[in-house]
Amino acid sequence: MTAQRVKQVATFLLCALIFLAPTNLFMKGWEHTASINGLVIDYLLPKFYLSDIPILGFIGVGIWQARKNHRLLQPKWLGVIFGFLVLRQFTTFYPVASLWFLVKLGELGALAWALSQLVKNLNLNLVYLTLLLTIIFQSSLGLLQFVTQKSLMGYYFLGEAQLHQFSGITRGVFASVEKILPYGTTAHPNLLAGTMVIYLLVTVNLAFKIKNGLKFWLITAIPALTVLLLTQSQAAWLTLGIGGIFFLLPKHLKSKLAAKAGILLILGLVMTVVTLTGLGHFWPEAWSWQRRVTLNHQALKLFMQNPIWGTGLNTNAALNERIFAPGEIARFAQPTHHVGLIWLSEMGLLGIIFALSLWKKFSAYQKLFLLSLLPLLSLDHYLLTLQSGQLVLVIGLFLSLESWHERSG
């Protein structure tokens, strides 16, 4: 392919991925491997998402481009650690779920690598427009769902949740009236909120590079912030606030903060656990806090039982149901609402070493971007456990303005 054709194909595939990332349409398999005590654990189901199609296509273009430029990855010592982690997944309680999740993480890593290869070959205007259109589409659908209190078209409409079902549908109270929260085409209102926040932070950076970009961003932000308010996601609002502060900082302060981002992120992840435990002690009637505190403690217990290797990828939610006492949390079989504790419990100390090694490869702005996501990382799980969350995270890491310039300069 010529350079121009590479640019066209890569841009088209990435735009398709940006739009499909927050969708929840998938095919599932091996359902018999996902049942625990008569309860089907959704997280154990191997799934092939509609978004996998542009992912695989984009990775293919990245490989073609890298071979052309003789820049294919060479094996390093980090691969040895990864090899041990692969072997571990064969010996978990749920090897099918663990191995499939490992494949999906490998796919995600390959996508990140392909983005690093192709970021200079993308049409910035089209990428920016697609981000804005995705925000408008998801926020408009969410607003319609909230106003009508029902699904617009149903699951085959890009995975839209079946809001007519009572069980498992998230609700909130507005002026003493209980209402269904907006979902968009995501699996949960919190995921819709996280998508809105990350896409808003990415596009506000890009807005100053595009002609009339800031005007278009301000128009797009109105429905996005409205639906964000309706999701009642406190973690998303905190993330938006932190990201906004970082965006307004002078460049030299951003550099200083990025240099300490790793320490600050670890401290933030730890302090969130301590703070939630304290709040749960003083306000036992706060059900949401109590739920998170219990899940956090369960993750720590799982880590103490398997400190070196962990329990294996994608096992946290299932082991909450299998090992710990039955109750409300077990019925929902939710993962721990803390990405750090999930990774620690599932991958152990070896996984922490692997994560720290990856951290060193991030640019200064990418580290700062991850630090701004601290509330989402410490108060929810979807950036690690759900493909939509994973994809939105990778898009945010590689398509922010500073990161774009660093990799194309």
Protein backbone atom coordinates (compact mmCIF):
# COMPACT_ATOMS: atom_id res chain seq x y z
CA MET A 1 0.00 0.00 0.00
CA THR A 2 1.06 3.55 -0.69
CA ALA A 3 1.53 5.98 2.21
CA GLN A 4 -1.72 7.72 1.28
CA ARG A 5 -3.66 4.45 1.24
CA VAL A 6 -2.18 3.45 4.61
CA LYS A 7 -3.39 6.76 6.02
CA GLN A 8 -6.89 6.24 4.61
CA VAL A 9 -7.25 2.64 5.76
CA ALA A 10 -5.77 3.26 9.22
CA THR A 11 -7.96 6.31 9.76
CA PHE A 12 -11.12 4.49 8.64
CA LEU A 13 -10.44 1.52 10.94
CA LEU A 14 -9.62 3.72 13.90
CA CYS A 15 -12.72 5.84 13.37
CA ALA A 16 -14.82 2.66 13.27
CA LEU A 17 -13.15 1.51 16.49
CA ILE A 18 -13.72 4.87 18.24
CA PHE A 19 -17.42 4.66 17.43
CA LEU A 20 -17.80 0.96 18.32
CA ALA A 21 -15.65 1.00 21.47
CA PRO A 22 -18.53 1.88 23.84
CA THR A 23 -20.92 -0.63 22.26
CA ASN A 24 -21.83 -3.90 23.95
CA LEU A 25 -22.82 -6.12 21.00
CA PHE A 26 -21.05 -9.48 21.17
CA MET A 27 -21.26 -13.21 20.50
CA LYS A 28 -20.66 -15.53 23.45
CA GLY A 29 -19.48 -19.11 23.70
CA TRP A 30 -18.80 -21.95 26.17
CA GLU A 31 -21.62 -20.92 28.51
CA HIS A 32 -21.21 -24.16 30.47
CA THR A 33 -17.87 -22.88 31.77
CA ALA A 34 -19.42 -19.74 33.29
CA SER A 35 -21.87 -21.20 35.83
CA ILE A 36 -21.07 -21.07 39.56
CA ASN A 37 -23.54 -22.46 42.10
CA GLY A 38 -26.27 -22.24 39.48
CA LEU A 39 -25.46 -18.60 38.73
CA VAL A 40 -24.05 -17.65 35.32
CA ILE A 41 -21.14 -15.25 35.85
CA ASP A 42 -21.14 -12.86 32.90
CA TYR A 43 -17.44 -12.07 33.32
CA LEU A 44 -16.51 -15.73 32.73
CA LEU A 45 -18.18 -15.85 29.31
CA PRO A 46 -15.77 -15.79 26.34
CA LYS A 47 -17.03 -13.00 24.06
CA PHE A 48 -16.26 -11.80 20.57
CA TYR A 49 -17.34 -8.16 20.24
CA LEU A 50 -18.34 -6.24 17.15
CA SER A 51 -15.47 -3.89 17.99
CA ASP A 52 -13.00 -6.77 17.53
CA ILE A 53 -13.39 -6.45 13.76
CA PRO A 54 -11.80 -2.97 13.42
CA ILE A 55 -9.29 -3.87 16.16
CA LEU A 56 -7.94 -6.82 14.20
CA GLY A 57 -7.94 -4.80 10.98
CA PHE A 58 -6.01 -1.94 12.59
CA ILE A 59 -3.48 -4.34 14.10
CA GLY A 60 -2.99 -5.86 10.63
CA VAL A 61 -2.24 -2.45 9.14
CA GLY A 62 0.16 -1.78 12.00
CA ILE A 63 2.04 -5.01 11.32
CA TRP A 64 2.23 -4.20 7.61
CA GLN A 65 3.57 -0.72 8.35
CA ALA A 66 6.11 -2.03 10.88
CA ARG A 67 7.43 -4.68 8.50
CA LYS A 68 7.77 -2.06 5.80
CA ASN A 69 9.83 0.11 8.14
CA HIS A 70 11.67 -2.83 9.73
CA ARG A 71 10.34 -1.92 13.19
CA LEU A 72 8.72 -5.13 14.39
CA LEU A 73 9.04 -5.76 18.12
CA GLN A 74 12.03 -7.73 19.35
CA PRO A 75 11.70 -10.15 22.31
CA LYS A 76 12.91 -8.68 25.60
CA TRP A 77 13.11 -9.82 29.21
CA LEU A 78 9.61 -8.49 29.76
CA GLY A 79 8.45 -11.28 27.48
CA VAL A 80 9.83 -13.83 29.96
CA ILE A 81 7.59 -12.49 32.72
CA PHE A 82 4.68 -12.49 30.31
CA GLY A 83 5.45 -16.12 29.51
CA PHE A 84 5.16 -17.08 33.19
CA LEU A 85 1.86 -15.22 33.40
CA VAL A 86 0.59 -17.16 30.37
CA LEU A 87 1.44 -20.48 32.01
CA ARG A 88 -0.36 -19.43 35.18
CA GLN A 89 -3.67 -19.06 33.34
CA PHE A 90 -3.75 -22.80 32.56
CA THR A 91 -3.92 -23.61 36.29
CA THR A 92 -6.67 -21.28 37.53
CA PHE A 93 -10.11 -22.31 38.78
CA TYR A 94 -11.50 -21.14 35.43
CA PRO A 95 -8.82 -21.72 32.77
CA VAL A 96 -11.14 -21.05 29.81
CA ALA A 97 -12.11 -17.63 31.17
CA SER A 98 -8.54 -16.81 32.21
CA LEU A 99 -6.99 -17.81 28.89
CA TRP A 100 -9.63 -15.96 26.89
CA PHE A 101 -9.10 -12.84 28.96
CA LEU A 102 -5.36 -13.18 28.38
CA VAL A 103 -6.00 -13.34 24.63
CA LYS A 104 -8.11 -10.18 24.90
CA LEU A 105 -5.37 -8.39 26.84
CA GLY A 106 -2.89 -9.49 24.19
CA GLU A 107 -5.21 -8.06 21.54
CA LEU A 108 -5.39 -4.82 23.53
CA GLY A 109 -1.60 -4.65 23.79
CA ALA A 110 -1.27 -5.25 20.06
CA LEU A 111 -3.74 -2.44 19.43
CA ALA A 112 -1.70 -0.07 21.60
CA TRP A 113 1.44 -1.07 19.71
CA ALA A 114 -0.28 -0.57 16.33
CA LEU A 115 -1.41 2.89 17.43
CA SER A 116 2.17 3.77 18.27
CA GLN A 117 3.18 2.68 14.75
CA LEU A 118 0.37 4.44 12.89
CA VAL A 119 -0.32 7.61 14.89
CA LYS A 120 1.62 9.69 12.33
CA ASN A 121 -0.46 8.20 9.51
CA LEU A 122 -3.87 9.27 10.80
CA ASN A 123 -6.13 12.01 9.53
CA LEU A 124 -6.50 14.13 12.67
CA ASN A 125 -9.60 15.96 11.42
CA LEU A 126 -11.56 12.76 10.79
CA VAL A 127 -10.48 11.22 14.07
CA TYR A 128 -11.58 14.34 15.95
CA LEU A 129 -14.91 14.44 14.11
CA THR A 130 -15.56 10.77 14.92
CA LEU A 131 -14.85 11.34 18.60
CA LEU A 132 -17.35 14.21 18.68
CA LEU A 133 -19.98 12.24 16.74
CA THR A 134 -19.58 9.31 19.13
CA ILE A 135 -20.07 11.61 22.11
CA ILE A 136 -23.20 13.09 20.51
CA PHE A 137 -24.59 9.67 19.57
CA GLN A 138 -24.06 8.10 22.98
CA SER A 139 -25.27 11.11 24.94
CA SER A 140 -28.35 11.56 22.71
CA LEU A 141 -29.27 7.90 23.04
CA GLY A 142 -28.76 8.09 26.80
CA LEU A 143 -30.99 11.15 27.04
CA LEU A 144 -33.73 9.44 25.01
CA GLN A 145 -33.54 6.39 27.25
CA PHE A 146 -33.88 8.55 30.34
CA VAL A 147 -36.80 10.57 29.01
CA THR A 148 -38.73 7.55 27.67
CA GLN A 149 -37.55 5.14 30.40
CA LYS A 150 -37.10 2.36 27.86
CA SER A 151 -34.71 1.04 25.23
CA LEU A 152 -34.77 2.72 21.85
CA MET A 153 -34.37 -0.40 19.69
CA GLY A 154 -32.97 -3.19 21.90
CA TYR A 155 -29.87 -5.32 22.12
CA TYR A 156 -29.22 -5.79 18.42
CA PHE A 157 -28.92 -2.03 18.15
CA LEU A 158 -25.18 -2.05 18.97
CA GLY A 159 -25.75 -3.88 22.25
CA GLU A 160 -28.26 -1.50 23.81
CA ALA A 161 -29.39 -2.79 27.21
CA GLN A 162 -32.87 -4.30 27.54
CA LEU A 163 -34.20 -1.59 29.85
CA HIS A 164 -37.67 -3.15 30.10
CA GLN A 165 -36.18 -5.91 32.25
CA PHE A 166 -36.45 -5.18 35.97
CA SER A 167 -33.61 -7.37 37.18
CA GLY A 168 -30.12 -5.92 36.91
CA ILE A 169 -31.18 -2.52 35.55
CA THR A 170 -29.59 0.39 37.40
CA ARG A 171 -31.89 3.05 38.78
CA GLY A 172 -31.50 6.36 40.57
CA VAL A 173 -33.73 8.76 42.47
CA PHE A 174 -34.65 12.11 40.90
CA ALA A 175 -36.94 14.42 42.90
CA SER A 176 -38.11 11.45 45.00
CA VAL A 177 -38.94 9.45 41.85
CA GLU A 178 -37.00 6.31 40.91
CA LYS A 179 -35.88 6.32 37.28
CA ILE A 180 -33.79 4.11 34.99
CA LEU A 181 -30.38 5.68 34.44
CA PRO A 182 -29.08 6.22 30.86
CA TYR A 183 -26.99 3.42 29.36
CA GLY A 184 -26.31 4.46 25.76
CA THR A 185 -25.07 1.27 24.10
CA THR A 186 -22.81 0.40 27.04
CA ALA A 187 -23.21 -2.31 29.66
CA HIS A 188 -23.76 0.11 32.57
CA PRO A 189 -24.44 3.83 33.22
CA ASN A 190 -21.05 4.16 34.92
CA LEU A 191 -19.36 2.92 31.75
CA LEU A 192 -21.32 5.45 29.70
CA ALA A 193 -20.15 8.16 32.12
CA GLY A 194 -16.53 7.00 31.90
CA THR A 195 -16.69 7.00 28.11
CA MET A 196 -18.08 10.55 28.07
CA VAL A 197 -15.34 11.79 30.40
CA ILE A 198 -12.42 10.16 28.60
CA TYR A 199 -13.63 11.22 25.16
CA LEU A 200 -14.24 14.76 26.43
CA LEU A 201 -10.70 14.95 27.85
CA VAL A 202 -9.22 13.64 24.60
CA THR A 203 -11.21 16.00 22.39
CA VAL A 204 -10.59 19.13 24.46
CA ASN A 205 -6.88 18.54 23.88
CA LEU A 206 -7.38 18.00 20.15
CA ALA A 207 -9.77 20.97 19.84
CA PHE A 208 -6.93 23.49 19.72
CA LYS A 209 -5.34 21.67 16.77
CA ILE A 210 -8.51 21.70 14.62
CA LYS A 211 -10.02 24.71 12.88
CA ASN A 212 -13.16 25.69 14.83
CA GLY A 213 -12.41 22.67 17.01
CA LEU A 214 -13.08 24.43 20.31
CA LYS A 215 -16.48 25.70 19.11
CA PHE A 216 -17.51 22.20 18.06
CA TRP A 217 -16.25 20.81 21.38
CA LEU A 218 -18.31 23.27 23.42
CA ILE A 219 -21.44 22.36 21.46
CA THR A 220 -20.76 18.64 21.94
CA ALA A 221 -20.04 19.05 25.65
CA ILE A 222 -23.58 20.26 26.42
CA PRO A 223 -25.43 16.93 25.86
CA ALA A 224 -22.41 14.99 27.16
CA LEU A 225 -22.36 16.81 30.50
CA THR A 226 -26.14 16.51 30.74
CA VAL A 227 -26.11 12.74 30.36
CA LEU A 228 -23.08 12.58 32.66
CA LEU A 229 -25.17 14.28 35.33
CA LEU A 230 -28.00 11.79 34.82
CA THR A 231 -25.72 8.76 35.22
CA GLN A 232 -25.01 9.88 38.81
CA SER A 233 -21.41 8.69 38.46
CA GLN A 234 -19.39 10.49 41.13
CA ALA A 235 -16.16 8.86 39.97
CA ALA A 236 -16.66 10.22 36.46
CA TRP A 237 -17.22 13.78 37.72
CA LEU A 238 -14.10 13.56 39.91
CA THR A 239 -12.12 12.35 36.90
CA LEU A 240 -13.42 15.18 34.75
CA GLY A 241 -12.45 17.68 37.44
CA ILE A 242 -8.93 16.30 37.88
CA GLY A 243 -8.42 16.06 34.12
CA GLY A 244 -9.62 19.63 33.69
CA ILE A 245 -7.18 20.90 36.32
CA PHE A 246 -4.29 19.03 34.68
CA PHE A 247 -5.29 20.46 31.30
CA LEU A 248 -5.14 24.04 32.64
CA LEU A 249 -1.74 23.65 34.32
CA PRO A 250 1.26 25.34 32.67
CA LYS A 251 3.52 22.99 30.74
CA HIS A 252 6.38 23.10 33.26
CA LEU A 253 4.02 22.12 36.10
CA LYS A 254 2.62 19.28 34.00
CA SER A 255 6.17 17.99 33.51
CA LYS A 256 6.92 18.09 37.24
CA LEU A 257 3.65 16.39 38.09
CA ALA A 258 4.16 13.70 35.42
CA ALA A 259 7.57 12.89 36.92
CA LYS A 260 5.86 11.96 40.19
CA ALA A 261 2.72 10.48 38.65
CA GLY A 262 3.65 6.88 39.46
CA ILE A 263 4.08 7.53 43.18
CA LEU A 264 0.96 9.68 43.30
CA LEU A 265 -1.08 7.04 41.49
CA ILE A 266 -0.01 4.29 43.90
CA LEU A 267 -0.67 6.51 46.92
CA GLY A 268 -4.07 7.42 45.52
CA LEU A 269 -5.01 3.78 44.95
CA VAL A 270 -3.99 2.89 48.52
CA MET A 271 -5.63 5.92 50.14
CA THR A 272 -8.91 5.22 48.37
CA VAL A 273 -9.08 1.81 50.04
CA VAL A 274 -8.27 3.31 53.46
CA THR A 275 -10.73 6.19 53.02
CA LEU A 276 -13.60 3.96 51.90
CA THR A 277 -12.99 1.65 54.86
CA GLY A 278 -13.18 4.62 57.22
CA LEU A 279 -16.32 5.98 55.59
CA GLY A 280 -17.93 2.56 55.72
CA HIS A 281 -17.19 2.39 59.46
CA PHE A 282 -18.72 5.78 60.28
CA TRP A 283 -21.68 5.51 57.86
CA PRO A 284 -22.74 1.84 57.86
CA GLU A 285 -26.06 2.80 56.25
CA ALA A 286 -24.20 3.93 53.10
CA TRP A 287 -24.87 0.75 51.08
CA SER A 288 -22.72 1.69 48.08
CA TRP A 289 -19.67 2.36 50.23
CA GLN A 290 -20.20 -0.81 52.26
CA ARG A 291 -20.41 -2.83 49.08
CA ARG A 292 -17.10 -1.47 47.79
CA VAL A 293 -15.42 -1.94 51.18
CA THR A 294 -16.46 -5.60 51.30
CA LEU A 295 -15.26 -6.24 47.75
CA ASN A 296 -11.93 -4.51 48.51
CA HIS A 297 -11.39 -6.69 51.56
CA GLN A 298 -12.23 -9.82 49.60
CA ALA A 299 -9.64 -8.90 46.95
CA LEU A 300 -7.00 -8.44 49.65
CA LYS A 301 -7.87 -11.86 51.10
CA LEU A 302 -7.52 -13.44 47.68
CA PHE A 303 -4.12 -11.80 47.27
CA MET A 304 -2.93 -13.07 50.67
CA GLN A 305 -3.91 -16.58 49.63
CA ASN A 306 -1.95 -16.33 46.34
CA PRO A 307 0.67 -13.54 46.78
CA ILE A 308 3.10 -14.59 44.04
CA TRP A 309 0.93 -15.72 41.13
CA GLY A 310 -2.48 -14.43 42.11
CA THR A 311 -5.71 -16.30 41.44
CA GLY A 312 -5.45 -15.90 37.66
CA LEU A 313 -6.91 -13.44 35.19
CA ASN A 314 -10.65 -12.80 35.19
CA THR A 315 -11.32 -14.80 38.36
CA ASN A 316 -12.10 -12.05 40.87
CA ALA A 317 -15.88 -11.90 40.40
CA ALA A 318 -16.29 -15.68 40.28
CA LEU A 319 -14.21 -16.27 43.40
CA ASN A 320 -16.27 -13.69 45.28
CA GLU A 321 -19.22 -16.01 44.61
CA ARG A 322 -17.37 -19.29 45.13
CA ILE A 323 -15.28 -18.66 48.23
CA PHE A 324 -16.90 -15.96 50.35
CA ALA A 325 -20.12 -16.17 52.32
CA PRO A 326 -23.36 -15.81 50.31
CA GLY A 327 -25.10 -12.44 50.45
CA GLU A 328 -26.10 -9.48 48.34
CA ILE A 329 -22.63 -9.06 46.87
CA ALA A 330 -22.40 -12.75 45.98
CA ARG A 331 -25.76 -12.64 44.20
CA PHE A 332 -24.50 -9.94 41.87
CA ALA A 333 -21.07 -11.62 41.58
CA GLN A 334 -19.35 -8.30 40.89
CA PRO A 335 -15.61 -7.78 40.58
CA THR A 336 -13.89 -5.60 43.15
CA HIS A 337 -14.52 -1.95 42.30
CA HIS A 338 -10.82 -1.11 42.30
CA VAL A 339 -8.60 -1.86 39.31
CA GLY A 340 -5.43 -2.00 41.40
CA LEU A 341 -6.85 -4.58 43.81
CA ILE A 342 -8.27 -6.69 40.99
CA TRP A 343 -4.86 -6.81 39.29
CA LEU A 344 -3.13 -7.52 42.60
CA SER A 345 -5.49 -10.36 43.51
CA GLU A 346 -5.51 -11.93 40.04
CA MET A 347 -1.84 -11.48 39.08
CA GLY A 348 0.01 -11.24 42.39
CA LEU A 349 3.43 -9.67 42.82
CA LEU A 350 4.58 -10.92 39.43
CA GLY A 351 1.76 -8.97 37.83
CA ILE A 352 2.81 -5.84 39.73
CA ILE A 353 6.35 -6.18 38.37
CA PHE A 354 4.92 -6.54 34.88
CA ALA A 355 2.70 -3.45 35.34
CA LEU A 356 5.62 -1.36 36.63
CA SER A 357 7.68 -2.41 33.61
CA LEU A 358 4.91 -1.22 31.29
CA TRP A 359 4.63 2.04 33.21
CA LYS A 360 8.21 2.92 32.27
CA LYS A 361 7.28 2.75 28.60
CA PHE A 362 4.56 5.42 28.88
CA SER A 363 5.27 9.01 27.88
CA ALA A 364 5.09 11.78 30.49
CA TYR A 365 1.66 12.87 29.29
CA GLN A 366 0.32 9.32 29.25
CA LYS A 367 1.37 8.97 32.89
CA LEU A 368 -0.38 12.24 33.70
CA PHE A 369 -3.47 11.06 31.83
CA LEU A 370 -3.56 7.83 33.85
CA LEU A 371 -3.18 9.81 37.07
CA SER A 372 -6.23 11.89 36.11
CA LEU A 373 -8.19 8.62 35.85
CA LEU A 374 -7.51 7.77 39.50
CA PRO A 375 -11.20 8.01 40.56
CA LEU A 376 -12.29 5.61 37.79
CA LEU A 377 -9.42 3.23 38.59
CA SER A 378 -10.06 3.19 42.34
CA LEU A 379 -13.87 3.33 42.48
CA ASP A 380 -14.89 1.04 39.59
CA HIS A 381 -13.59 -1.89 37.57
CA TYR A 382 -14.66 -1.52 33.94
CA LEU A 383 -11.40 -0.01 32.63
CA LEU A 384 -9.88 -3.45 33.25
CA THR A 385 -12.73 -5.96 33.23
CA LEU A 386 -14.85 -4.87 30.24
CA GLN A 387 -13.63 -4.58 26.66
CA SER A 388 -15.43 -1.27 26.16
CA GLY A 389 -13.60 0.21 29.12
CA GLN A 390 -10.27 -1.17 27.96
CA LEU A 391 -10.69 0.29 24.48
CA VAL A 392 -11.75 3.73 25.69
CA LEU A 393 -8.71 3.74 27.98
CA VAL A 394 -6.30 2.89 25.14
CA ILE A 395 -7.92 5.49 22.87
CA GLY A 396 -7.46 8.08 25.59
CA LEU A 397 -3.81 7.16 26.10
CA PHE A 398 -2.83 7.46 22.46
CA LEU A 399 -5.05 10.17 21.00
CA SER A 400 -4.50 13.08 23.38
CA LEU A 401 -2.80 16.11 21.84
CA GLU A 402 0.45 16.02 23.82
CA SER A 403 0.86 12.29 23.27
CA TRP A 404 0.14 12.79 19.55
CA HIS A 405 2.88 15.37 19.26
CA GLU A 406 5.39 13.30 21.21
CA ARG A 407 4.93 10.33 18.91
CA SER A 408 4.81 12.25 15.66
CA GLY A 409 7.54 14.78 16.31
